[in-house]
C-alpha cells in the first residue's frame, strides 16, 4: 500500500517499494491501484477520508504550486496556512 498526497494540485503516490529505493511516483485518483512503471510493484493507494475537504481548501489557493498536502496534515493546518496567506 502507498499513501496519496497532493503536489502542486495533483494527487500523487510514491511506489510501494519507495523505502526499498524505488523513486517512481505516479499521478493517482481514488480507486486507482499503483502499478510501478519502474520496478513493477503493485499496491493499493490510500486516500484521506476527508478528501473532498482537503481538495476544497487547496482549490482556494490561487497558485497551483502552493496546493500541497501530505498525509497527517490536518484540515485545521491547511486552513491556518490559507488564512496566513490571505486565502479565504
PDB file of N, CA and C in Angstrom:
ATOM      1  N   UNK A   1       0.847  -1.180   0.000  1.00  0.00           N
ATOM      2  CA  UNK A   1       0.000   0.000   0.000  1.00  0.00           C
ATOM      3  C   UNK A   1       0.888   1.237   0.000  1.00  0.00           C
ATOM      4  N   UNK A   2       0.383   2.270  -0.625  1.00  0.00           N
ATOM      5  CA  UNK A   2       1.049   3.562  -0.630  1.00  0.00           C
ATOM      6  C   UNK A   2       0.018   4.643  -0.334  1.00  0.00           C
ATOM      7  N   UNK A   3       0.462   5.776   0.146  1.00  0.00           N
ATOM      8  CA  UNK A   3      -0.439   6.852   0.536  1.00  0.00           C
ATOM      9  C   UNK A   3      -0.405   7.976  -0.487  1.00  0.00           C
ATOM     10  N   UNK A   4      -1.576   8.454  -0.869  1.00  0.00           N
ATOM     11  CA  UNK A   4      -1.684   9.574  -1.798  1.00  0.00           C
ATOM     12  C   UNK A   4      -1.365  10.878  -1.077  1.00  0.00           C
ATOM     13  N   UNK A   5      -0.779  11.806  -1.821  1.00  0.00           N
ATOM     14  CA  UNK A   5      -0.526  13.148  -1.314  1.00  0.00           C
ATOM     15  C   UNK A   5      -0.758  14.121  -2.460  1.00  0.00           C
ATOM     16  N   UNK A   6      -0.853  15.402  -2.135  1.00  0.00           N
ATOM     17  CA  UNK A   6      -1.089  16.414  -3.167  1.00  0.00           C
ATOM     18  C   UNK A   6       0.194  17.200  -3.390  1.00  0.00           C
ATOM     19  N   UNK A   7       0.598  17.295  -4.651  1.00  0.00           N
ATOM     20  CA  UNK A   7       1.775  18.044  -5.049  1.00  0.00           C
ATOM     21  C   UNK A   7       1.373  18.959  -6.201  1.00  0.00           C
ATOM     22  N   UNK A   8       1.443  20.257  -5.956  1.00  0.00           N
ATOM     23  CA  UNK A   8       1.083  21.263  -6.967  1.00  0.00           C
ATOM     24  C   UNK A   8      -0.318  21.021  -7.521  1.00  0.00           C
ATOM     25  N   UNK A   9      -1.234  20.619  -6.639  1.00  0.00           N
ATOM     26  CA  UNK A   9      -2.628  20.438  -7.022  1.00  0.00           C
ATOM     27  C   UNK A   9      -2.957  19.096  -7.642  1.00  0.00           C
ATOM     28  N   UNK A  10      -1.986  18.182  -7.683  1.00  0.00           N
ATOM     29  CA  UNK A  10      -2.203  16.859  -8.280  1.00  0.00           C
ATOM     30  C   UNK A  10      -2.074  15.788  -7.201  1.00  0.00           C
ATOM     31  N   UNK A  11      -2.972  14.806  -7.232  1.00  0.00           N
ATOM     32  CA  UNK A  11      -2.843  13.660  -6.338  1.00  0.00           C
ATOM     33  C   UNK A  11      -1.758  12.749  -6.895  1.00  0.00           C
ATOM     34  N   UNK A  12      -0.808  12.400  -6.040  1.00  0.00           N
ATOM     35  CA  UNK A  12       0.356  11.614  -6.425  1.00  0.00           C
ATOM     36  C   UNK A  12       0.581  10.550  -5.357  1.00  0.00           C
ATOM     37  N   UNK A  13       1.212   9.444  -5.749  1.00  0.00           N
ATOM     38  CA  UNK A  13       1.627   8.423  -4.783  1.00  0.00           C
ATOM     39  C   UNK A  13       3.000   7.916  -5.184  1.00  0.00           C
ATOM     40  N   UNK A  14       3.799   7.625  -4.182  1.00  0.00           N
ATOM     41  CA  UNK A  14       5.103   7.010  -4.412  1.00  0.00           C
ATOM     42  C   UNK A  14       4.929   5.511  -4.583  1.00  0.00           C
ATOM     43  N   UNK A  15       5.893   4.889  -5.227  1.00  0.00           N
ATOM     44  CA  UNK A  15       5.899   3.440  -5.391  1.00  0.00           C
ATOM     45  C   UNK A  15       5.814   2.760  -4.026  1.00  0.00           C
ATOM     46  N   UNK A  16       5.061   1.666  -3.915  1.00  0.00           N
ATOM     47  CA  UNK A  16       5.011   0.939  -2.641  1.00  0.00           C
ATOM     48  C   UNK A  16       6.395   0.464  -2.181  1.00  0.00           C
ATOM     49  N   UNK A  17       7.340   0.404  -3.095  1.00  0.00           N
ATOM     50  CA  UNK A  17       8.703  -0.011  -2.738  1.00  0.00           C
ATOM     51  C   UNK A  17       9.650   1.179  -2.552  1.00  0.00           C
ATOM     52  N   UNK A  18       9.117   2.362  -2.269  1.00  0.00           N
ATOM     53  CA  UNK A  18       9.981   3.536  -2.147  1.00  0.00           C
ATOM     54  C   UNK A  18      10.973   3.395  -1.005  1.00  0.00           C
ATOM     55  N   UNK A  19      10.588   2.697   0.062  1.00  0.00           N
ATOM     56  CA  UNK A  19      11.532   2.509   1.176  1.00  0.00           C
ATOM     57  C   UNK A  19      12.651   1.540   0.802  1.00  0.00           C
ATOM     58  N   UNK A  20      12.441   0.772  -0.254  1.00  0.00           N
ATOM     59  CA  UNK A  20      13.474  -0.138  -0.750  1.00  0.00           C
ATOM     60  C   UNK A  20      14.323   0.522  -1.832  1.00  0.00           C
ATOM     61  N   UNK A  21      14.050   1.778  -2.116  1.00  0.00           N
ATOM     62  CA  UNK A  21      14.877   2.525  -3.051  1.00  0.00           C
ATOM     63  C   UNK A  21      14.248   2.889  -4.375  1.00  0.00           C
ATOM     64  N   UNK A  22      13.036   2.444  -4.657  1.00  0.00           N
ATOM     65  CA  UNK A  22      12.400   2.832  -5.908  1.00  0.00           C
ATOM     66  C   UNK A  22      11.911   4.279  -5.775  1.00  0.00           C
ATOM     67  N   UNK A  23      12.268   5.104  -6.720  1.00  0.00           N
ATOM     68  CA  UNK A  23      11.932   6.531  -6.646  1.00  0.00           C
ATOM     69  C   UNK A  23      10.770   6.928  -7.548  1.00  0.00           C
ATOM     70  N   UNK A  24      10.073   5.955  -8.113  1.00  0.00           N
ATOM     71  CA  UNK A  24       8.962   6.223  -9.028  1.00  0.00           C
ATOM     72  C   UNK A  24       7.753   6.790  -8.272  1.00  0.00           C
ATOM     73  N   UNK A  25       7.067   7.715  -8.903  1.00  0.00           N
ATOM     74  CA  UNK A  25       5.811   8.260  -8.388  1.00  0.00           C
ATOM     75  C   UNK A  25       4.877   8.453  -9.580  1.00  0.00           C
ATOM     76  N   UNK A  26       3.573   8.361  -9.325  1.00  0.00           N
ATOM     77  CA  UNK A  26       2.583   8.496 -10.396  1.00  0.00           C
ATOM     78  C   UNK A  26       1.431   9.366  -9.915  1.00  0.00           C
ATOM     79  N   UNK A  27       0.783  10.046 -10.859  1.00  0.00           N
ATOM     80  CA  UNK A  27      -0.484  10.707 -10.554  1.00  0.00           C
ATOM     81  C   UNK A  27      -1.512   9.628 -10.306  1.00  0.00           C
ATOM     82  N   UNK A  28      -2.385   9.851  -9.323  1.00  0.00           N
ATOM     83  CA  UNK A  28      -3.402   8.859  -8.961  1.00  0.00           C
ATOM     84  C   UNK A  28      -4.728   9.552  -8.704  1.00  0.00           C
ATOM     85  N   UNK A  29      -5.780   8.747  -8.670  1.00  0.00           N
ATOM     86  CA  UNK A  29      -7.105   9.212  -8.286  1.00  0.00           C
ATOM     87  C   UNK A  29      -7.758   8.111  -7.462  1.00  0.00           C
ATOM     88  N   UNK A  30      -8.771   8.459  -6.681  1.00  0.00           N
ATOM     89  CA  UNK A  30      -9.421   7.441  -5.857  1.00  0.00           C
ATOM     90  C   UNK A  30      -9.848   6.231  -6.686  1.00  0.00           C
ATOM     91  N   UNK A  31      -9.596   5.066  -6.147  1.00  0.00           N
ATOM     92  CA  UNK A  31      -9.941   3.825  -6.827  1.00  0.00           C
ATOM     93  C   UNK A  31      -8.787   3.226  -7.611  1.00  0.00           C
ATOM     94  N   UNK A  32      -7.734   4.013  -7.826  1.00  0.00           N
ATOM     95  CA  UNK A  32      -6.577   3.504  -8.565  1.00  0.00           C
ATOM     96  C   UNK A  32      -5.791   2.478  -7.757  1.00  0.00           C
ATOM     97  N   UNK A  33      -5.165   1.565  -8.473  1.00  0.00           N
ATOM     98  CA  UNK A  33      -4.119   0.715  -7.913  1.00  0.00           C
ATOM     99  C   UNK A  33      -2.817   1.253  -8.477  1.00  0.00           C
ATOM    100  N   UNK A  34      -1.784   1.246  -7.667  1.00  0.00           N
ATOM    101  CA  UNK A  34      -0.494   1.731  -8.118  1.00  0.00           C
ATOM    102  C   UNK A  34       0.230   0.598  -8.828  1.00  0.00           C
ATOM    103  N   UNK A  35       0.632   0.841 -10.057  1.00  0.00           N
ATOM    104  CA  UNK A  35       1.441  -0.112 -10.816  1.00  0.00           C
ATOM    105  C   UNK A  35       2.702   0.645 -11.223  1.00  0.00           C
ATOM    106  N   UNK A  36       3.817   0.270 -10.631  1.00  0.00           N
ATOM    107  CA  UNK A  36       5.054   0.999 -10.835  1.00  0.00           C
ATOM    108  C   UNK A  36       5.642   0.725 -12.217  1.00  0.00           C
ATOM    109  N   UNK A  37       5.876   1.796 -12.950  1.00  0.00           N
ATOM    110  CA  UNK A  37       6.475   1.680 -14.280  1.00  0.00           C
ATOM    111  C   UNK A  37       7.969   1.385 -14.193  1.00  0.00           C
ATOM    112  N   UNK A  38       8.550   1.557 -13.022  1.00  0.00           N
ATOM    113  CA  UNK A  38       9.986   1.342 -12.853  1.00  0.00           C
ATOM    114  C   UNK A  38      10.311  -0.073 -12.385  1.00  0.00           C
ATOM    115  N   UNK A  39       9.693  -0.504 -11.278  1.00  0.00           N
ATOM    116  CA  UNK A  39      10.066  -1.803 -10.690  1.00  0.00           C
ATOM    117  C   UNK A  39       8.971  -2.857 -10.791  1.00  0.00           C
ATOM    118  N   UNK A  40       7.772  -2.451 -11.224  1.00  0.00           N
ATOM    119  CA  UNK A  40       6.681  -3.403 -11.389  1.00  0.00           C
ATOM    120  C   UNK A  40       5.849  -3.663 -10.150  1.00  0.00           C
ATOM    121  N   UNK A  41       6.150  -3.005  -9.047  1.00  0.00           N
ATOM    122  CA  UNK A  41       5.370  -3.199  -7.814  1.00  0.00           C
ATOM    123  C   UNK A  41       3.917  -2.799  -8.043  1.00  0.00           C
ATOM    124  N   UNK A  42       3.024  -3.509  -7.385  1.00  0.00           N
ATOM    125  CA  UNK A  42       1.595  -3.225  -7.472  1.00  0.00           C
ATOM    126  C   UNK A  42       1.073  -3.084  -6.052  1.00  0.00           C
ATOM    127  N   UNK A  43       0.229  -2.090  -5.823  1.00  0.00           N
ATOM    128  CA  UNK A  43      -0.339  -1.917  -4.497  1.00  0.00           C
ATOM    129  C   UNK A  43      -1.528  -0.989  -4.509  1.00  0.00           C
ATOM    130  N   UNK A  44      -2.257  -1.005  -3.429  1.00  0.00           N
ATOM    131  CA  UNK A  44      -3.404  -0.112  -3.293  1.00  0.00           C
ATOM    132  C   UNK A  44      -2.927   1.290  -2.920  1.00  0.00           C
ATOM    133  N   UNK A  45      -3.775   2.270  -3.183  1.00  0.00           N
ATOM    134  CA  UNK A  45      -3.468   3.663  -2.852  1.00  0.00           C
ATOM    135  C   UNK A  45      -4.478   4.122  -1.813  1.00  0.00           C
ATOM    136  N   UNK A  46      -3.980   4.595  -0.696  1.00  0.00           N
ATOM    137  CA  UNK A  46      -4.823   5.063   0.406  1.00  0.00           C
ATOM    138  C   UNK A  46      -4.997   6.576   0.301  1.00  0.00           C
ATOM    139  N   UNK A  47      -6.260   7.027   0.281  1.00  0.00           N
ATOM    140  CA  UNK A  47      -6.592   8.448   0.252  1.00  0.00           C
ATOM    141  C   UNK A  47      -7.162   8.852   1.598  1.00  0.00           C
ATOM    142  N   UNK A  48      -7.096  10.147   1.948  1.00  0.00           N
ATOM    143  CA  UNK A  48      -7.678  10.583   3.222  1.00  0.00           C
ATOM    144  C   UNK A  48      -9.201  10.462   3.199  1.00  0.00           C
ATOM    145  N   UNK A  49      -9.785  10.227   4.363  1.00  0.00           N
ATOM    146  CA  UNK A  49     -11.241  10.112   4.431  1.00  0.00           C
ATOM    147  C   UNK A  49     -11.910  11.459   4.151  1.00  0.00           C
ATOM    148  N   UNK A  50     -11.207  12.555   4.420  1.00  0.00           N
ATOM    149  CA  UNK A  50     -11.747  13.897   4.189  1.00  0.00           C
ATOM    150  C   UNK A  50     -11.206  14.496   2.883  1.00  0.00           C
ATOM    151  N   UNK A  51     -11.058  13.667   1.894  1.00  0.00           N
ATOM    152  CA  UNK A  51     -10.522  14.036   0.589  1.00  0.00           C
ATOM    153  C   UNK A  51     -11.191  15.288   0.022  1.00  0.00           C
ATOM    154  N   UNK A  52     -12.507  15.351   0.051  1.00  0.00           N
ATOM    155  CA  UNK A  52     -13.230  16.496  -0.520  1.00  0.00           C
ATOM    156  C   UNK A  52     -12.871  17.801   0.179  1.00  0.00           C
ATOM    157  N   UNK A  53     -12.719  17.749   1.498  1.00  0.00           N
ATOM    158  CA  UNK A  53     -12.378  18.969   2.240  1.00  0.00           C
ATOM    159  C   UNK A  53     -10.938  19.388   1.977  1.00  0.00           C
ATOM    160  N   UNK A  54     -10.034  18.434   1.869  1.00  0.00           N
ATOM    161  CA  UNK A  54      -8.643  18.750   1.520  1.00  0.00           C
ATOM    162  C   UNK A  54      -8.628  19.454   0.162  1.00  0.00           C
ATOM    163  N   UNK A  55      -9.337  18.899  -0.805  1.00  0.00           N
ATOM    164  CA  UNK A  55      -9.374  19.490  -2.141  1.00  0.00           C
ATOM    165  C   UNK A  55      -9.978  20.885  -2.127  1.00  0.00           C
ATOM    166  N   UNK A  56     -11.033  21.108  -1.346  1.00  0.00           N
ATOM    167  CA  UNK A  56     -11.667  22.432  -1.288  1.00  0.00           C
ATOM    168  C   UNK A  56     -10.719  23.474  -0.707  1.00  0.00           C
ATOM    169  N   UNK A  57     -10.021  23.117   0.366  1.00  0.00           N
ATOM    170  CA  UNK A  57      -9.089  24.066   0.978  1.00  0.00           C
ATOM    171  C   UNK A  57      -7.933  24.380   0.037  1.00  0.00           C
ATOM    172  N   UNK A  58      -7.446  23.384  -0.665  1.00  0.00           N
ATOM    173  CA  UNK A  58      -6.338  23.620  -1.592  1.00  0.00           C
ATOM    174  C   UNK A  58      -6.793  24.370  -2.836  1.00  0.00           C
ATOM    175  N   UNK A  59      -7.992  24.102  -3.312  1.00  0.00           N
ATOM    176  CA  UNK A  59      -8.505  24.763  -4.516  1.00  0.00           C
ATOM    177  C   UNK A  59      -8.653  26.271  -4.314  1.00  0.00           C
ATOM    178  N   UNK A  60      -8.795  26.704  -3.073  1.00  0.00           N
ATOM    179  CA  UNK A  60      -8.933  28.133  -2.795  1.00  0.00           C
ATOM    180  C   UNK A  60      -7.621  28.887  -3.023  1.00  0.00           C
ATOM    181  N   UNK A  61      -6.517  28.163  -3.086  1.00  0.00           N
ATOM    182  CA  UNK A  61      -5.217  28.790  -3.294  1.00  0.00           C
ATOM    183  C   UNK A  61      -5.054  29.130  -4.777  1.00  0.00           C
ATOM    184  N   UNK A  62      -4.774  30.395  -5.085  1.00  0.00           N
ATOM    185  CA  UNK A  62      -4.739  30.809  -6.493  1.00  0.00           C
ATOM    186  C   UNK A  62      -3.531  30.286  -7.285  1.00  0.00           C
ATOM    187  N   UNK A  63      -2.465  29.921  -6.621  1.00  0.00           N
ATOM    188  CA  UNK A  63      -1.249  29.474  -7.307  1.00  0.00           C
ATOM    189  C   UNK A  63      -1.131  27.955  -7.161  1.00  0.00           C
ATOM    190  N   UNK A  64      -1.214  27.213  -8.266  1.00  0.00           N
ATOM    191  CA  UNK A  64      -1.184  25.744  -8.181  1.00  0.00           C
ATOM    192  C   UNK A  64       0.024  25.183  -7.437  1.00  0.00           C
ATOM    193  N   UNK A  65       1.173  25.842  -7.548  1.00  0.00           N
ATOM    194  CA  UNK A  65       2.378  25.341  -6.868  1.00  0.00           C
ATOM    195  C   UNK A  65       2.260  25.368  -5.346  1.00  0.00           C
ATOM    196  N   UNK A  66       1.257  26.077  -4.818  1.00  0.00           N
ATOM    197  CA  UNK A  66       1.069  26.135  -3.357  1.00  0.00           C
ATOM    198  C   UNK A  66       0.010  25.140  -2.879  1.00  0.00           C
ATOM    199  N   UNK A  67      -0.544  24.369  -3.783  1.00  0.00           N
ATOM    200  CA  UNK A  67      -1.585  23.396  -3.438  1.00  0.00           C
ATOM    201  C   UNK A  67      -0.929  22.059  -3.103  1.00  0.00           C
ATOM    202  N   UNK A  68      -0.452  21.955  -1.860  1.00  0.00           N
ATOM    203  CA  UNK A  68       0.263  20.768  -1.411  1.00  0.00           C
ATOM    204  C   UNK A  68      -0.324  20.254  -0.103  1.00  0.00           C
ATOM    205  N   UNK A  69      -0.344  18.950   0.032  1.00  0.00           N
ATOM    206  CA  UNK A  69      -0.843  18.309   1.255  1.00  0.00           C
ATOM    207  C   UNK A  69      -0.129  16.970   1.434  1.00  0.00           C
ATOM    208  N   UNK A  70       0.231  16.654   2.683  1.00  0.00           N
ATOM    209  CA  UNK A  70       0.863  15.376   3.000  1.00  0.00           C
ATOM    210  C   UNK A  70       0.019  14.614   4.006  1.00  0.00           C
ATOM    211  N   UNK A  71       0.026  13.298   3.945  1.00  0.00           N
ATOM    212  CA  UNK A  71      -0.708  12.508   4.943  1.00  0.00           C
ATOM    213  C   UNK A  71      -0.280  12.925   6.355  1.00  0.00           C
ATOM    214  N   UNK A  72      -1.258  13.066   7.203  1.00  0.00           N
ATOM    215  CA  UNK A  72      -1.005  13.501   8.577  1.00  0.00           C
ATOM    216  C   UNK A  72      -1.248  14.984   8.779  1.00  0.00           C
ATOM    217  N   UNK A  73      -1.245  15.752   7.701  1.00  0.00           N
ATOM    218  CA  UNK A  73      -1.531  17.177   7.795  1.00  0.00           C
ATOM    219  C   UNK A  73      -3.031  17.349   7.983  1.00  0.00           C
ATOM    220  N   UNK A  74      -3.419  18.129   8.986  1.00  0.00           N
ATOM    221  CA  UNK A  74      -4.833  18.258   9.321  1.00  0.00           C
ATOM    222  C   UNK A  74      -5.523  19.358   8.513  1.00  0.00           C
ATOM    223  N   UNK A  75      -6.846  19.280   8.497  1.00  0.00           N
ATOM    224  CA  UNK A  75      -7.631  20.330   7.845  1.00  0.00           C
ATOM    225  C   UNK A  75      -7.392  21.674   8.523  1.00  0.00           C
ATOM    226  N   UNK A  76      -7.268  21.655   9.849  1.00  0.00           N
ATOM    227  CA  UNK A  76      -7.001  22.899  10.575  1.00  0.00           C
ATOM    228  C   UNK A  76      -5.678  23.514  10.142  1.00  0.00           C
ATOM    229  N   UNK A  77      -4.672  22.683   9.913  1.00  0.00           N
ATOM    230  CA  UNK A  77      -3.373  23.199   9.469  1.00  0.00           C
ATOM    231  C   UNK A  77      -3.486  23.830   8.080  1.00  0.00           C
ATOM    232  N   UNK A  78      -4.233  23.189   7.190  1.00  0.00           N
ATOM    233  CA  UNK A  78      -4.442  23.767   5.863  1.00  0.00           C
ATOM    234  C   UNK A  78      -5.179  25.095   5.953  1.00  0.00           C
ATOM    235  N   UNK A  79      -6.198  25.146   6.799  1.00  0.00           N
ATOM    236  CA  UNK A  79      -6.971  26.373   6.965  1.00  0.00           C
ATOM    237  C   UNK A  79      -6.096  27.494   7.513  1.00  0.00           C
ATOM    238  N   UNK A  80      -5.271  27.195   8.496  1.00  0.00           N
ATOM    239  CA  UNK A  80      -4.368  28.203   9.059  1.00  0.00           C
ATOM    240  C   UNK A  80      -3.405  28.717   7.985  1.00  0.00           C
ATOM    241  N   UNK A  81      -2.850  27.803   7.186  1.00  0.00           N
ATOM    242  CA  UNK A  81      -1.959  28.230   6.091  1.00  0.00           C
ATOM    243  C   UNK A  81      -2.693  29.153   5.128  1.00  0.00           C
ATOM    244  N   UNK A  82      -3.924  28.790   4.791  1.00  0.00           N
ATOM    245  CA  UNK A  82      -4.711  29.642   3.897  1.00  0.00           C
ATOM    246  C   UNK A  82      -4.899  31.031   4.498  1.00  0.00           C
ATOM    247  N   UNK A  83      -5.304  31.072   5.757  1.00  0.00           N
ATOM    248  CA  UNK A  83      -5.566  32.357   6.416  1.00  0.00           C
ATOM    249  C   UNK A  83      -4.286  33.186   6.519  1.00  0.00           C
ATOM    250  N   UNK A  84      -3.155  32.526   6.809  1.00  0.00           N
ATOM    251  CA  UNK A  84      -1.881  33.254   6.911  1.00  0.00           C
ATOM    252  C   UNK A  84      -1.491  33.909   5.597  1.00  0.00           C
ATOM    253  N   UNK A  85      -1.977  33.368   4.484  1.00  0.00           N
ATOM    254  CA  UNK A  85      -1.633  33.907   3.172  1.00  0.00           C
ATOM    255  C   UNK A  85      -2.808  34.661   2.523  1.00  0.00           C
ATOM    256  N   UNK A  86      -3.821  34.977   3.340  1.00  0.00           N
ATOM    257  CA  UNK A  86      -4.937  35.779   2.856  1.00  0.00           C
ATOM    258  C   UNK A  86      -5.894  35.044   1.949  1.00  0.00           C
ATOM    259  N   UNK A  87      -5.890  33.706   2.033  1.00  0.00           N
ATOM    260  CA  UNK A  87      -6.794  32.909   1.218  1.00  0.00           C
ATOM    261  C   UNK A  87      -7.987  32.502   2.075  1.00  0.00           C
ATOM    262  N   UNK A  88      -9.161  32.874   1.656  1.00  0.00           N
ATOM    263  CA  UNK A  88     -10.362  32.551   2.424  1.00  0.00           C
ATOM    264  C   UNK A  88     -11.025  31.322   1.831  1.00  0.00           C
TER     265      UNK A  88
END
